[in-house]
Structures are given as structure tokens and as C-alpha cells.
PDB file of N, CA and C in Angstrom:
ATOM      1  N   MET A   1     125.848 102.262  88.902  1.00  0.00           N
ATOM      2  CA  MET A   1     126.143 103.563  89.447  1.00  0.00           C
ATOM      3  C   MET A   1     127.583 103.562  89.954  1.00  0.00           C
ATOM      4  N   LEU A   2     128.288 104.604  89.655  1.00  0.00           N
ATOM      5  CA  LEU A   2     129.664 104.761  90.112  1.00  0.00           C
ATOM      6  C   LEU A   2     129.682 105.608  91.371  1.00  0.00           C
ATOM      7  N   ILE A   3     130.761 105.502  92.101  1.00  0.00           N
ATOM      8  CA  ILE A   3     130.917 106.268  93.337  1.00  0.00           C
ATOM      9  C   ILE A   3     132.134 107.166  93.206  1.00  0.00           C
ATOM     10  N   GLY A   4     132.005 108.385  93.674  1.00  0.00           N
ATOM     11  CA  GLY A   4     133.143 109.297  93.711  1.00  0.00           C
ATOM     12  C   GLY A   4     133.653 109.393  95.125  1.00  0.00           C
ATOM     13  N   GLY A   5     134.943 109.543  95.272  1.00  0.00           N
ATOM     14  CA  GLY A   5     135.477 109.608  96.621  1.00  0.00           C
ATOM     15  C   GLY A   5     136.765 110.391  96.697  1.00  0.00           C
ATOM     16  N   ARG A   6     137.162 110.688  97.896  1.00  0.00           N
ATOM     17  CA  ARG A   6     138.388 111.429  98.181  1.00  0.00           C
ATOM     18  C   ARG A   6     138.997 110.904  99.470  1.00  0.00           C
ATOM     19  N   ALA A   7     140.324 110.938  99.538  1.00  0.00           N
ATOM     20  CA  ALA A   7     141.031 110.602 100.772  1.00  0.00           C
ATOM     21  C   ALA A   7     140.937 111.779 101.727  1.00  0.00           C
ATOM     22  N   LEU A   8     140.948 111.493 103.018  1.00  0.00           N
ATOM     23  CA  LEU A   8     140.901 112.520 104.055  1.00  0.00           C
ATOM     24  C   LEU A   8     142.276 112.645 104.693  1.00  0.00           C
ATOM     25  N   HIS A   9     142.785 113.896 104.755  1.00  0.00           N
ATOM     26  CA  HIS A   9     144.117 114.156 105.317  1.00  0.00           C
ATOM     27  C   HIS A   9     144.045 115.264 106.360  1.00  0.00           C
ATOM     28  N   THR A  10     144.762 115.068 107.475  1.00  0.00           N
ATOM     29  CA  THR A  10     144.844 116.088 108.520  1.00  0.00           C
ATOM     30  C   THR A  10     145.698 117.256 108.031  1.00  0.00           C
ATOM     31  N   ASP A  11     145.788 118.305 108.851  1.00  0.00           N
ATOM     32  CA  ASP A  11     146.607 119.459 108.468  1.00  0.00           C
ATOM     33  C   ASP A  11     148.091 119.129 108.451  1.00  0.00           C
ATOM     34  N   GLN A  12     148.481 117.974 108.976  1.00  0.00           N
ATOM     35  CA  GLN A  12     149.867 117.514 108.858  1.00  0.00           C
ATOM     36  C   GLN A  12     150.053 116.610 107.642  1.00  0.00           C
ATOM     37  N   GLY A  13     148.994 116.390 106.864  1.00  0.00           N
ATOM     38  CA  GLY A  13     149.073 115.558 105.671  1.00  0.00           C
ATOM     39  C   GLY A  13     148.894 114.071 105.927  1.00  0.00           C
ATOM     40  N   GLU A  14     148.549 113.692 107.152  1.00  0.00           N
ATOM     41  CA  GLU A  14     148.353 112.278 107.493  1.00  0.00           C
ATOM     42  C   GLU A  14     146.987 111.808 106.983  1.00  0.00           C
ATOM     43  N   GLN A  15     146.980 110.699 106.231  1.00  0.00           N
ATOM     44  CA  GLN A  15     145.716 110.162 105.750  1.00  0.00           C
ATOM     45  C   GLN A  15     145.004 109.474 106.904  1.00  0.00           C
ATOM     46  N   VAL A  16     143.740 109.887 107.129  1.00  0.00           N
ATOM     47  CA  VAL A  16     142.977 109.361 108.258  1.00  0.00           C
ATOM     48  C   VAL A  16     141.697 108.657 107.825  1.00  0.00           C
ATOM     49  N   GLY A  17     141.497 108.510 106.543  1.00  0.00           N
ATOM     50  CA  GLY A  17     140.299 107.825 106.078  1.00  0.00           C
ATOM     51  C   GLY A  17     139.945 108.248 104.680  1.00  0.00           C
ATOM     52  N   GLY A  18     138.707 108.005 104.335  1.00  0.00           N
ATOM     53  CA  GLY A  18     138.217 108.355 103.012  1.00  0.00           C
ATOM     54  C   GLY A  18     136.752 108.736 103.082  1.00  0.00           C
ATOM     55  N   LEU A  19     136.308 109.398 102.037  1.00  0.00           N
ATOM     56  CA  LEU A  19     134.932 109.853 101.958  1.00  0.00           C
ATOM     57  C   LEU A  19     134.394 109.480 100.592  1.00  0.00           C
ATOM     58  N   GLY A  20     133.298 108.760 100.556  1.00  0.00           N
ATOM     59  CA  GLY A  20     132.681 108.383  99.294  1.00  0.00           C
ATOM     60  C   GLY A  20     131.303 109.000  99.174  1.00  0.00           C
ATOM     61  N   ALA A  21     130.912 109.270  97.960  1.00  0.00           N
ATOM     62  CA  ALA A  21     129.586 109.817  97.692  1.00  0.00           C
ATOM     63  C   ALA A  21     128.995 109.077  96.507  1.00  0.00           C
ATOM     64  N   SER A  22     127.706 108.812  96.567  1.00  0.00           N
ATOM     65  CA  SER A  22     127.036 108.130  95.475  1.00  0.00           C
ATOM     66  C   SER A  22     125.617 108.651  95.384  1.00  0.00           C
ATOM     67  N   GLY A  23     125.171 108.814  94.193  1.00  0.00           N
ATOM     68  CA  GLY A  23     123.807 109.303  94.025  1.00  0.00           C
ATOM     69  C   GLY A  23     123.582 109.912  92.658  1.00  0.00           C
ATOM     70  N   GLY A  24     124.632 110.347  92.042  1.00  0.00           N
ATOM     71  CA  GLY A  24     124.524 110.931  90.707  1.00  0.00           C
ATOM     72  C   GLY A  24     125.542 110.293  89.811  1.00  0.00           C
ATOM     73  N   GLU A  25     125.950 111.031  88.803  1.00  0.00           N
ATOM     74  CA  GLU A  25     127.026 110.521  87.968  1.00  0.00           C
ATOM     75  C   GLU A  25     128.335 110.640  88.730  1.00  0.00           C
ATOM     76  N   SER A  26     129.333 109.843  88.371  1.00  0.00           N
ATOM     77  CA  SER A  26     130.562 109.806  89.159  1.00  0.00           C
ATOM     78  C   SER A  26     131.248 111.165  89.222  1.00  0.00           C
ATOM     79  N   GLY A  27     131.181 111.962  88.158  1.00  0.00           N
ATOM     80  CA  GLY A  27     131.791 113.294  88.181  1.00  0.00           C
ATOM     81  C   GLY A  27     131.174 114.176  89.248  1.00  0.00           C
ATOM     82  N   THR A  28     129.873 114.120  89.379  1.00  0.00           N
ATOM     83  CA  THR A  28     129.184 114.897  90.403  1.00  0.00           C
ATOM     84  C   THR A  28     129.525 114.367  91.789  1.00  0.00           C
ATOM     85  N   ASP A  29     129.578 113.047  91.931  1.00  0.00           N
ATOM     86  CA  ASP A  29     129.922 112.451  93.221  1.00  0.00           C
ATOM     87  C   ASP A  29     131.313 112.888  93.678  1.00  0.00           C
ATOM     88  N   HIS A  30     132.271 112.965  92.750  1.00  0.00           N
ATOM     89  CA  HIS A  30     133.624 113.427  93.089  1.00  0.00           C
ATOM     90  C   HIS A  30     133.603 114.871  93.578  1.00  0.00           C
ATOM     91  N   VAL A  31     132.817 115.708  92.912  1.00  0.00           N
ATOM     92  CA  VAL A  31     132.717 117.119  93.307  1.00  0.00           C
ATOM     93  C   VAL A  31     132.104 117.232  94.703  1.00  0.00           C
ATOM     94  N   VAL A  32     131.041 116.478  94.964  1.00  0.00           N
ATOM     95  CA  VAL A  32     130.401 116.510  96.287  1.00  0.00           C
ATOM     96  C   VAL A  32     131.395 116.069  97.359  1.00  0.00           C
ATOM     97  N   ALA A  33     132.128 114.977  97.113  1.00  0.00           N
ATOM     98  CA  ALA A  33     133.111 114.498  98.088  1.00  0.00           C
ATOM     99  C   ALA A  33     134.193 115.547  98.323  1.00  0.00           C
ATOM    100  N   TRP A  34     134.655 116.213  97.255  1.00  0.00           N
ATOM    101  CA  TRP A  34     135.677 117.268  97.391  1.00  0.00           C
ATOM    102  C   TRP A  34     135.153 118.391  98.284  1.00  0.00           C
ATOM    103  N   LYS A  35     133.911 118.834  98.039  1.00  0.00           N
ATOM    104  CA  LYS A  35     133.345 119.959  98.791  1.00  0.00           C
ATOM    105  C   LYS A  35     133.115 119.603 100.259  1.00  0.00           C
ATOM    106  N   VAL A  36     132.646 118.391 100.543  1.00  0.00           N
ATOM    107  CA  VAL A  36     132.436 117.976 101.928  1.00  0.00           C
ATOM    108  C   VAL A  36     133.778 117.885 102.645  1.00  0.00           C
ATOM    109  N   ARG A  37     134.759 117.276 101.984  1.00  0.00           N
ATOM    110  CA  ARG A  37     136.091 117.151 102.585  1.00  0.00           C
ATOM    111  C   ARG A  37     136.673 118.532 102.890  1.00  0.00           C
ATOM    112  N   HIS A  38     136.487 119.481 101.974  1.00  0.00           N
ATOM    113  CA  HIS A  38     136.984 120.843 102.179  1.00  0.00           C
ATOM    114  C   HIS A  38     136.295 121.484 103.388  1.00  0.00           C
ATOM    115  N   ALA A  39     134.979 121.311 103.494  1.00  0.00           N
ATOM    116  CA  ALA A  39     134.231 121.889 104.617  1.00  0.00           C
ATOM    117  C   ALA A  39     134.693 121.306 105.952  1.00  0.00           C
ATOM    118  N   LEU A  40     135.135 120.062 105.946  1.00  0.00           N
ATOM    119  CA  LEU A  40     135.624 119.410 107.167  1.00  0.00           C
ATOM    120  C   LEU A  40     137.090 119.750 107.456  1.00  0.00           C
ATOM    121  N   ASP A  41     137.739 120.473 106.551  1.00  0.00           N
ATOM    122  CA  ASP A  41     139.167 120.796 106.642  1.00  0.00           C
ATOM    123  C   ASP A  41     140.014 119.526 106.762  1.00  0.00           C
ATOM    124  N   LEU A  42     139.642 118.522 105.952  1.00  0.00           N
ATOM    125  CA  LEU A  42     140.421 117.284 105.877  1.00  0.00           C
ATOM    126  C   LEU A  42     140.933 117.098 104.456  1.00  0.00           C
ATOM    127  N   ASP A  43     141.252 118.216 103.810  1.00  0.00           N
ATOM    128  CA  ASP A  43     141.695 118.191 102.406  1.00  0.00           C
ATOM    129  C   ASP A  43     143.153 118.619 102.258  1.00  0.00           C
ATOM    130  N   ASN A  44     143.962 118.245 103.215  1.00  0.00           N
ATOM    131  CA  ASN A  44     145.365 118.657 103.240  1.00  0.00           C
ATOM    132  C   ASN A  44     146.234 117.619 102.528  1.00  0.00           C
ATOM    133  N   VAL A  45     145.984 117.451 101.246  1.00  0.00           N
ATOM    134  CA  VAL A  45     146.647 116.442 100.423  1.00  0.00           C
ATOM    135  C   VAL A  45     148.138 116.770 100.328  1.00  0.00           C
ATOM    136  N   PRO A  46     149.011 115.876 100.810  1.00  0.00           N
ATOM    137  CA  PRO A  46     150.446 116.173 100.805  1.00  0.00           C
ATOM    138  C   PRO A  46     151.065 116.121  99.407  1.00  0.00           C
ATOM    139  N   ALA A  47     150.525 115.318  98.544  1.00  0.00           N
ATOM    140  CA  ALA A  47     151.021 115.197  97.169  1.00  0.00           C
ATOM    141  C   ALA A  47     149.919 114.533  96.356  1.00  0.00           C
ATOM    142  N   GLY A  48     149.773 114.980  95.143  1.00  0.00           N
ATOM    143  CA  GLY A  48     148.722 114.411  94.309  1.00  0.00           C
ATOM    144  C   GLY A  48     149.201 114.140  92.905  1.00  0.00           C
ATOM    145  N   VAL A  49     148.297 113.671  92.094  1.00  0.00           N
ATOM    146  CA  VAL A  49     148.637 113.228  90.744  1.00  0.00           C
ATOM    147  C   VAL A  49     148.470 114.311  89.684  1.00  0.00           C
ATOM    148  N   THR A  50     147.980 115.480  90.077  1.00  0.00           N
ATOM    149  CA  THR A  50     147.758 116.537  89.096  1.00  0.00           C
ATOM    150  C   THR A  50     148.944 117.506  89.056  1.00  0.00           C
ATOM    151  N   LYS A  51     148.938 118.365  88.058  1.00  0.00           N
ATOM    152  CA  LYS A  51     149.983 119.392  87.960  1.00  0.00           C
ATOM    153  C   LYS A  51     149.937 120.345  89.152  1.00  0.00           C
ATOM    154  N   ALA A  52     148.753 120.504  89.747  1.00  0.00           N
ATOM    155  CA  ALA A  52     148.600 121.358  90.927  1.00  0.00           C
ATOM    156  C   ALA A  52     148.978 120.609  92.204  1.00  0.00           C
ATOM    157  N   ASN A  53     149.458 119.376  92.070  1.00  0.00           N
ATOM    158  CA  ASN A  53     149.911 118.542  93.185  1.00  0.00           C
ATOM    159  C   ASN A  53     148.784 118.223  94.169  1.00  0.00           C
ATOM    160  N   ASN A  54     147.567 118.051  93.645  1.00  0.00           N
ATOM    161  CA  ASN A  54     146.455 117.631  94.488  1.00  0.00           C
ATOM    162  C   ASN A  54     145.845 116.361  93.886  1.00  0.00           C
ATOM    163  N   ASP A  55     144.713 115.947  94.396  1.00  0.00           N
ATOM    164  CA  ASP A  55     144.092 114.708  93.927  1.00  0.00           C
ATOM    165  C   ASP A  55     142.817 114.967  93.129  1.00  0.00           C
ATOM    166  N   ASN A  56     142.783 116.079  92.421  1.00  0.00           N
ATOM    167  CA  ASN A  56     141.614 116.379  91.615  1.00  0.00           C
ATOM    168  C   ASN A  56     141.463 115.358  90.489  1.00  0.00           C
ATOM    169  N   THR A  57     140.271 115.283  89.957  1.00  0.00           N
ATOM    170  CA  THR A  57     139.977 114.381  88.850  1.00  0.00           C
ATOM    171  C   THR A  57     140.781 114.792  87.630  1.00  0.00           C
ATOM    172  N   VAL A  58     141.365 113.817  86.964  1.00  0.00           N
ATOM    173  CA  VAL A  58     142.150 114.054  85.748  1.00  0.00           C
ATOM    174  C   VAL A  58     141.315 113.607  84.551  1.00  0.00           C
ATOM    175  N   HIS A  59     141.041 114.532  83.653  1.00  0.00           N
ATOM    176  CA  HIS A  59     140.263 114.205  82.452  1.00  0.00           C
ATOM    177  C   HIS A  59     141.209 114.111  81.255  1.00  0.00           C
ATOM    178  N   ASP A  60     141.875 112.975  81.114  1.00  0.00           N
ATOM    179  CA  ASP A  60     142.806 112.822  79.995  1.00  0.00           C
ATOM    180  C   ASP A  60     142.622 111.492  79.256  1.00  0.00           C
ATOM    181  N   LEU A  61     141.407 110.991  79.239  1.00  0.00           N
ATOM    182  CA  LEU A  61     141.146 109.742  78.532  1.00  0.00           C
ATOM    183  C   LEU A  61     141.014 109.976  77.038  1.00  0.00           C
ATOM    184  N   SER A  62     141.540 109.038  76.292  1.00  0.00           N
ATOM    185  CA  SER A  62     141.384 109.049  74.836  1.00  0.00           C
ATOM    186  C   SER A  62     141.330 107.602  74.359  1.00  0.00           C
ATOM    187  N   VAL A  63     140.922 107.414  73.120  1.00  0.00           N
ATOM    188  CA  VAL A  63     140.843 106.067  72.555  1.00  0.00           C
ATOM    189  C   VAL A  63     142.168 105.730  71.894  1.00  0.00           C
ATOM    190  N   ASP A  64     142.723 104.586  72.273  1.00  0.00           N
ATOM    191  CA  ASP A  64     143.941 104.082  71.650  1.00  0.00           C
ATOM    192  C   ASP A  64     143.567 103.572  70.262  1.00  0.00           C
ATOM    193  N   PRO A  65     144.111 104.178  69.209  1.00  0.00           N
ATOM    194  CA  PRO A  65     143.711 103.775  67.852  1.00  0.00           C
ATOM    195  C   PRO A  65     144.044 102.312  67.531  1.00  0.00           C
ATOM    196  N   ALA A  66     145.088 101.772  68.142  1.00  0.00           N
ATOM    197  CA  ALA A  66     145.489 100.391  67.844  1.00  0.00           C
ATOM    198  C   ALA A  66     144.541  99.368  68.462  1.00  0.00           C
ATOM    199  N   SER A  67     144.117  99.625  69.699  1.00  0.00           N
ATOM    200  CA  SER A  67     143.289  98.636  70.393  1.00  0.00           C
ATOM    201  C   SER A  67     141.818  99.028  70.480  1.00  0.00           C
ATOM    202  N   GLY A  68     141.520 100.307  70.308  1.00  0.00           N
ATOM    203  CA  GLY A  68     140.152 100.781  70.466  1.00  0.00           C
ATOM    204  C   GLY A  68     139.746 100.948  71.916  1.00  0.00           C
ATOM    205  N   ARG A  69     140.681 100.738  72.834  1.00  0.00           N
ATOM    206  CA  ARG A  69     140.404 100.872  74.270  1.00  0.00           C
ATOM    207  C   ARG A  69     140.723 102.278  74.756  1.00  0.00           C
ATOM    208  N   MET A  70     140.079 102.620  75.873  1.00  0.00           N
ATOM    209  CA  MET A  70     140.367 103.916  76.493  1.00  0.00           C
ATOM    210  C   MET A  70     141.743 103.851  77.150  1.00  0.00           C
ATOM    211  N   GLN A  71     142.482 104.952  77.060  1.00  0.00           N
ATOM    212  CA  GLN A  71     143.789 105.048  77.698  1.00  0.00           C
ATOM    213  C   GLN A  71     143.911 106.406  78.363  1.00  0.00           C
ATOM    214  N   SER A  72     144.776 106.470  79.344  1.00  0.00           N
ATOM    215  CA  SER A  72     145.002 107.697  80.096  1.00  0.00           C
ATOM    216  C   SER A  72     146.479 108.039  80.031  1.00  0.00           C
ATOM    217  N   ALA A  73     146.797 109.237  79.565  1.00  0.00           N
ATOM    218  CA  ALA A  73     148.196 109.663  79.484  1.00  0.00           C
ATOM    219  C   ALA A  73     148.845 109.689  80.863  1.00  0.00           C
ATOM    220  N   SER A  74     148.093 110.077  81.886  1.00  0.00           N
ATOM    221  CA  SER A  74     148.645 110.173  83.240  1.00  0.00           C
ATOM    222  C   SER A  74     148.581 108.852  84.001  1.00  0.00           C
ATOM    223  N   GLY A  75     147.708 107.972  83.559  1.00  0.00           N
ATOM    224  CA  GLY A  75     147.461 106.741  84.296  1.00  0.00           C
ATOM    225  C   GLY A  75     146.377 106.901  85.351  1.00  0.00           C
ATOM    226  N   TYR A  76     145.862 108.131  85.500  1.00  0.00           N
ATOM    227  CA  TYR A  76     144.841 108.421  86.507  1.00  0.00           C
ATOM    228  C   TYR A  76     143.562 108.976  85.879  1.00  0.00           C
ATOM    229  N   GLY A  77     143.392 108.771  84.600  1.00  0.00           N
ATOM    230  CA  GLY A  77     142.269 109.360  83.876  1.00  0.00           C
ATOM    231  C   GLY A  77     140.912 108.915  84.374  1.00  0.00           C
ATOM    232  N   HIS A  78     139.984 109.832  84.259  1.00  0.00           N
ATOM    233  CA  HIS A  78     138.602 109.612  84.691  1.00  0.00           C
ATOM    234  C   HIS A  78     137.700 110.067  83.557  1.00  0.00           C
ATOM    235  N   PRO A  79     136.623 109.340  83.295  1.00  0.00           N
ATOM    236  CA  PRO A  79     135.713 109.776  82.243  1.00  0.00           C
ATOM    237  C   PRO A  79     135.101 111.139  82.569  1.00  0.00           C
ATOM    238  N   THR A  80     134.845 111.905  81.544  1.00  0.00           N
ATOM    239  CA  THR A  80     134.137 113.162  81.764  1.00  0.00           C
ATOM    240  C   THR A  80     132.668 112.847  81.981  1.00  0.00           C
ATOM    241  N   CYS A  81     132.016 113.696  82.724  1.00  0.00           N
ATOM    242  CA  CYS A  81     130.600 113.535  82.999  1.00  0.00           C
ATOM    243  C   CYS A  81     129.851 114.642  82.267  1.00  0.00           C
ATOM    244  N   SER A  82     128.818 115.147  82.856  1.00  0.00           N
ATOM    245  CA  SER A  82     128.092 116.237  82.224  1.00  0.00           C
ATOM    246  C   SER A  82     129.025 117.432  82.066  1.00  0.00           C
ATOM    247  N   PRO A  83     128.768 118.287  81.087  1.00  0.00           N
ATOM    248  CA  PRO A  83     129.632 119.460  80.925  1.00  0.00           C
ATOM    249  C   PRO A  83     129.726 120.319  82.188  1.00  0.00           C
ATOM    250  N   ARG A  84     128.634 120.480  82.912  1.00  0.00           N
ATOM    251  CA  ARG A  84     128.654 121.305  84.131  1.00  0.00           C
ATOM    252  C   ARG A  84     129.531 120.669  85.205  1.00  0.00           C
ATOM    253  N   ALA A  85     129.361 119.356  85.446  1.00  0.00           N
ATOM    254  CA  ALA A  85     130.168 118.675  86.464  1.00  0.00           C
ATOM    255  C   ALA A  85     131.642 118.697  86.084  1.00  0.00           C
ATOM    256  N   THR A  86     131.944 118.535  84.801  1.00  0.00           N
ATOM    257  CA  THR A  86     133.328 118.554  84.343  1.00  0.00           C
ATOM    258  C   THR A  86     133.949 119.920  84.571  1.00  0.00           C
ATOM    259  N   THR A  87     133.225 120.988  84.249  1.00  0.00           N
ATOM    260  CA  THR A  87     133.734 122.348  84.448  1.00  0.00           C
ATOM    261  C   THR A  87     133.965 122.634  85.926  1.00  0.00           C
ATOM    262  N   ILE A  88     133.018 122.243  86.771  1.00  0.00           N
ATOM    263  CA  ILE A  88     133.180 122.459  88.217  1.00  0.00           C
ATOM    264  C   ILE A  88     134.400 121.710  88.720  1.00  0.00           C
ATOM    265  N   ALA A  89     134.542 120.439  88.316  1.00  0.00           N
ATOM    266  CA  ALA A  89     135.686 119.626  88.752  1.00  0.00           C
ATOM    267  C   ALA A  89     137.003 120.242  88.305  1.00  0.00           C
ATOM    268  N   GLU A  90     137.069 120.718  87.078  1.00  0.00           N
ATOM    269  CA  GLU A  90     138.312 121.284  86.556  1.00  0.00           C
ATOM    270  C   GLU A  90     138.716 122.554  87.300  1.00  0.00           C
ATOM    271  N   ASN A  91     137.767 123.227  87.945  1.00  0.00           N
ATOM    272  CA  ASN A  91     138.058 124.476  88.653  1.00  0.00           C
ATOM    273  C   ASN A  91     138.182 124.326  90.165  1.00  0.00           C
ATOM    274  N   LEU A  92     138.014 123.108  90.691  1.00  0.00           N
ATOM    275  CA  LEU A  92     138.061 122.917  92.140  1.00  0.00           C
ATOM    276  C   LEU A  92     139.384 123.350  92.748  1.00  0.00           C
ATOM    277  N   SER A  93     140.483 123.147  92.035  1.00  0.00           N
ATOM    278  CA  SER A  93     141.795 123.533  92.571  1.00  0.00           C
ATOM    279  C   SER A  93     141.871 125.023  92.859  1.00  0.00           C
ATOM    280  N   GLU A  94     141.102 125.809  92.125  1.00  0.00           N
ATOM    281  CA  GLU A  94     141.108 127.259  92.315  1.00  0.00           C
ATOM    282  C   GLU A  94     139.996 127.715  93.260  1.00  0.00           C
ATOM    283  N   THR A  95     138.792 127.134  93.115  1.00  0.00           N
ATOM    284  CA  THR A  95     137.666 127.592  93.923  1.00  0.00           C
ATOM    285  C   THR A  95     137.708 127.063  95.353  1.00  0.00           C
ATOM    286  N   LEU A  96     138.188 125.837  95.535  1.00  0.00           N
ATOM    287  CA  LEU A  96     138.305 125.228  96.859  1.00  0.00           C
ATOM    288  C   LEU A  96     139.633 124.496  96.935  1.00  0.00           C
ATOM    289  N   PRO A  97     140.751 125.231  97.031  1.00  0.00           N
ATOM    290  CA  PRO A  97     142.057 124.592  96.993  1.00  0.00           C
ATOM    291  C   PRO A  97     142.303 123.677  98.196  1.00  0.00           C
ATOM    292  N   THR A  98     143.086 122.639  97.958  1.00  0.00           N
ATOM    293  CA  THR A  98     143.467 121.752  99.054  1.00  0.00           C
ATOM    294  C   THR A  98     144.561 122.422  99.876  1.00  0.00           C
ATOM    295  N   GLY A  99     144.735 121.923 101.084  1.00  0.00           N
ATOM    296  CA  GLY A  99     145.801 122.442 101.946  1.00  0.00           C
ATOM    297  C   GLY A  99     145.239 123.018 103.206  1.00  0.00           C
ATOM    298  N   PRO A 100     146.086 123.222 104.179  1.00  0.00           N
ATOM    299  CA  PRO A 100     145.634 123.778 105.448  1.00  0.00           C
ATOM    300  C   PRO A 100     145.003 125.162 105.249  1.00  0.00           C
ATOM    301  N   GLU A 101     143.959 125.418 106.029  1.00  0.00           N
ATOM    302  CA  GLU A 101     143.311 126.733 105.995  1.00  0.00           C
ATOM    303  C   GLU A 101     144.313 127.772 106.494  1.00  0.00           C
ATOM    304  N   GLU A 102     144.298 128.923 105.874  1.00  0.00           N
ATOM    305  CA  GLU A 102     145.231 129.976 106.279  1.00  0.00           C
ATOM    306  C   GLU A 102     144.547 131.003 107.127  1.00  0.00           C
TER     307      GLU A 102
END
């Protein structure tokens, strides 16, 4: 079983810990951790690895034809999970954006 997790950041962007979730597939665990962190208002990510500058899951894995191994264009790739979990994860930046509450 894999675990999904997220870093916890104050409204000043200071990392104060982490939150892990386990119980389903890793894609679902990441979504649960994102939603809990958002509810706690500890999702003020100062900089992230995605184009949206947050720490959302990056689904960019592909098979390297030369080695047959999985590779990630960004270096932060995560396997896709169920279609529903993948769709929810891909939309988290819009449905529950990171950053201080306004």
C-alpha cells in the first residue's frame, strides 16, 4: 500500500509539518491529504513543482523506449490511479487552490 501526503505551510509559507494519508490507492490518498490540509488552512505552498506553482500531483510518467523503465519529464511524476481519482487530482488547483484564504 502506498501513502499520499502533503507538506503543511502557514499563511506566511513556513513549512510546519506534513500530513500523510493511507487507506486507498495512492492517488486517492493524495487527494484526501490535499483536502484535509485545505480545510486546516495549512496549504499556503510558497512554491511548487507544477505550472500552477503548487505541489499538486504531476501525472507525466511514460516508458523510456531504450530502457523500458518509467520516466518523468518533470522529475516529479506520479503514477495515475483510478480515472476518478486522477480527474479529481488534476482539478484540485482550481477546486481547492493553495494559498492564504481571502
